[in-house]
Amino acid sequence: MPDGTETPVTLKIVTRISEIGADAWDACAGRDNPFVSHAFLSALEDSGSAVEEEGWGPQHLILEDDGGRVIGAVPAYLKSHSQGEYVFDHGWAHAFENAGGKYYPKLVAGVPFSPVPGPRLLIHPDANHARVTATLAAGLIELCDMHGASSVHVNFLPEAQWKALAEHGFLQRQGQQFHWRNDGYRTFDDFLAALSSRKRKNIRKEREAVAASGVRIRALHGDDLTADHWDAFYRFYRDTTDRKWGWDYLKRDFFRLLHERMRDKVVLMFCDLDGMPVAGALNLVGTDTIYGRNWGGLARFKHLHFELCYYQAIDWAIAHGLKKVEAGAQGQHKIQRGYLPSATYSAHWIPHQGFRRAVADFLRREREAVGEDMEVLMEYSPFKKNE
């Protein structure tokens, strides 16, 4: 689909990311965020985790210049449900279908099963960003129309892309997560020193309780990881899904492929007791951020979740000079552990005018509420107040 302006470009749709070379995709995705890398997305597809049979039909947009070079891409999926997205639209689906509409299929641009902010319009650094953005936005709208989808949802994108898509008619939604930021700390104790006395003592007590339980915690990275570790972690993961979600999004083969293709980006906080694996927390590492993804355990130890998912990630970030820890969605309990409110963004295209007006009004009110909530939550910051 040439756009008819300047040098001709061609917009394609591919139903397998393997149809695009890893180097070409990653030249647009960049190195900062591992979740939009070819290795991660292909592991989801090749393992059968994000495929049409699971309600995630790949419909990736690829933009090529007149020489066939990939200058833009969007990881996109035709969805038959709203599971595994973490930008919740179940109420929208219910309202639209009650009014006689058909909400599914819908089109989602994002990373399956991963509430991790990052670029969704992947643009080659040498390309004209404004032009590529406009072409990819138009491509998403055209793809929605081609499939007769109810809507397009671009989830967990950066604020700059959120604003850019708004200029192309996408509705704006705002949410929040809780992120830890490294204020130049050299040690975990440096971080603790920045907290109020009461919060500092509470964290120390939690860590001491875990240490006294007798469990051993190791941060496994790269070639430290073995198939036995992944077998154990998959058991932890399934325990969590069986107890909480009832939907095991990630297949066992995904973790094998993750190990084969990007173990240098993996940090597995692995916990054992008397030589027996009992719990673990999976993290991926970008250029300046460690991202907490999944956790689970076969035994219950007080405060172990906080240790594995929050404090160990902070330890790793400080030791490796990273700027931030993103520990996943939800969880106001993270605030007292140094993870402060941070805005997240999603953009939505809805062609049905009546439904669009209703959603736009809802989103306006929701943005106001989220902004007010973030202001209130900041009052509970554990950090010392400036005098």
Foldseek 3Di string as FASTA:
>chain_A
DFPPDDFTKDKAWDQALVVDDQVLQCLQQDFFDPLSGSLQQNLCVVQVLQDVVNFWGWTKIFMATPVRRTFKIFGKTFGQDPPQAQPDDPVLCVVQVVVPHHQPREMETDGGNALEAGAGIRGRPVDDVLVSLLVVLVVNVVVCVVVVHQKYKYWRYDPVSQVSSVVVPWFKFKAKAWKFFDPPDQAVVSVLVQFDPVLSVVVVVLVVQVVVVQKDKDWAAQPSDDPVQLVLFVVFQVVVCVVPPVDSSDDSSSVVSCNVRPRNQWIKTWMDHPPHTFKIWIWGGGPAEIETRTIGGPDDGGSVCCVHQPVVRVRVNSNVVHTMYGRGGDDLVCQSVRTAMDMTMMIMGGPPVVSVVVVNVVRVVNVVVNVVVSVVSVVVHRGDDDD
